[in-house]
Amino acid sequence: MPERASTSLSTNDAGAKGDLALYIHWPFCVSKCPYCDFNSHVRESVDQQDWRAALLADLRHEAALLPDRRLTSIFFGGGTPSLMDPGTAAALIEEAGKLWPAADDLEITLEANPSSVEAARFADLAAAGVNRLSLGLQSLDDRALAFLGRAHSVDEGLGALDVAQRQFGRVSFDLIYALPGQTPEAWDAMLARALGFGTGHLSLYQLTIEPGTRFAALHAAGKFAPLDTEAAADLFELTAERTAAAGIPAYEISNHARAGQESRHNLTYWRYGDYAGIGPGAHGRRSGLRTVRHRKPENYLAGLARNGHGMVEEAPLSPIEAADEALVMGLRLAEGIDPLAIAERFGLARLLDDKAVARLIASGHLVRNGRRLRTTEAGRLLLDTILGLIADPQPPAETRSA
């Protein structure tokens, strides 16, 4: 039976005091996808033993700064962490359990590419303690996979999905839609097929052109045109309708889950809880501090050798910065936010421009239920605009400059 999450969508915005999520970044990939702006690197060889030692050292450093916490989730992201030696994953999971007491239902997710080589590691990763797999299928069309620079075929991807569903209690997979020329009929058919595989979670992302990617260069050169905004919005609405009807509605703008199958780790981000981040380029949020590790693998290793950790930045967040981040993250969720709770948490006089909020409620873009404020389906299409209109965090009067 699929594992059911104990976390419900009524959890307080701040998260349980003392709870902590752990993010571990594995930076290596076989090749760089043209749409990807994540911190990923292609290397001819990777010394698995050196990287195991480095990540364990960085983990111990971070744990020393985060005492008296309860670990609720571990997430191996990348890059391609399914290229990691399963023994490294096992060592990190075991060490994390020694450094922090773990929740009884600790969620341990690993991102994987759906190649047959990596699928062969799934049994060992499950034995290492991974209990949730996030599979990067990205498309169920071979031409689309070629366009996206993916090395696997549809058949290979579905073979990996079958292995994953036999090895792990919880499985999610990603699809990218709103590709150039994609029609509602084509996406509807692909989505119907995807919903038929029976996983408890789907991540469905619209293709975006990110700066610094190969797609951005092709777009700038006039060799690539994304789907127009109106057509992409139609596909977004179709996605919301189809997933909700299938009992796997959106609980976040791009993430869909059956009740109890939401990603607990990602909910920590969106609810603005604390999380430790280790590995090259990893970000963290630790007791009011923003932490960032060296992005380049070689610089990360050099930092560890020199300082005993991979940190490149550790900076305090002002109450207004933190509240603004909590607002931005929280309104991505279907559950929305409690603006008063966020303002109280960070000691602010107010979080939002009440007049702007009232106008957006009247226009059907926001809705208020008791203390909670959330976007409607129409509002989710315009979230960035809405955030720009309503955000107005104000410090208490006694702390303002004259």
Foldseek 3Di string as FASTA:
>chain_A
DFDFAPDAPVAALQHDPQEAEAEEEDAEACDDWQQDPFLHDHDPDDDLVLVLVQQLLQVVVVLVQRPRHEYAEYEYYYHACLVHDLVSLLVVVVSVCVSHPYDPNYAYEYEHELAPVSLVCLQSNVVSPHAEYEYEPQFLQQVVCVVRVHPDHNVSNVVSVVSNVVRHSAYEYEYEDQAPPDALVNVLVRVVVVLVVDGFKYFYHYRDRDPPGNQVVCVVVVNGDTRDLVRVLVNQVVNQVVLVVSQFHAQFSGMTGHGRRDDPNLSCQLSVYWYHYADAQTWTADPQKIWGFHSDRVQQSVCCVVPSHRTDDIGGDQLLRSLLSNQLSQQRGQQAHQFVVSCVVSQWPGFWDVVLVVVCVVVQQWDDDPRGIYGDSVVSSVVVVSSVRIGDTGHPPVPDDD
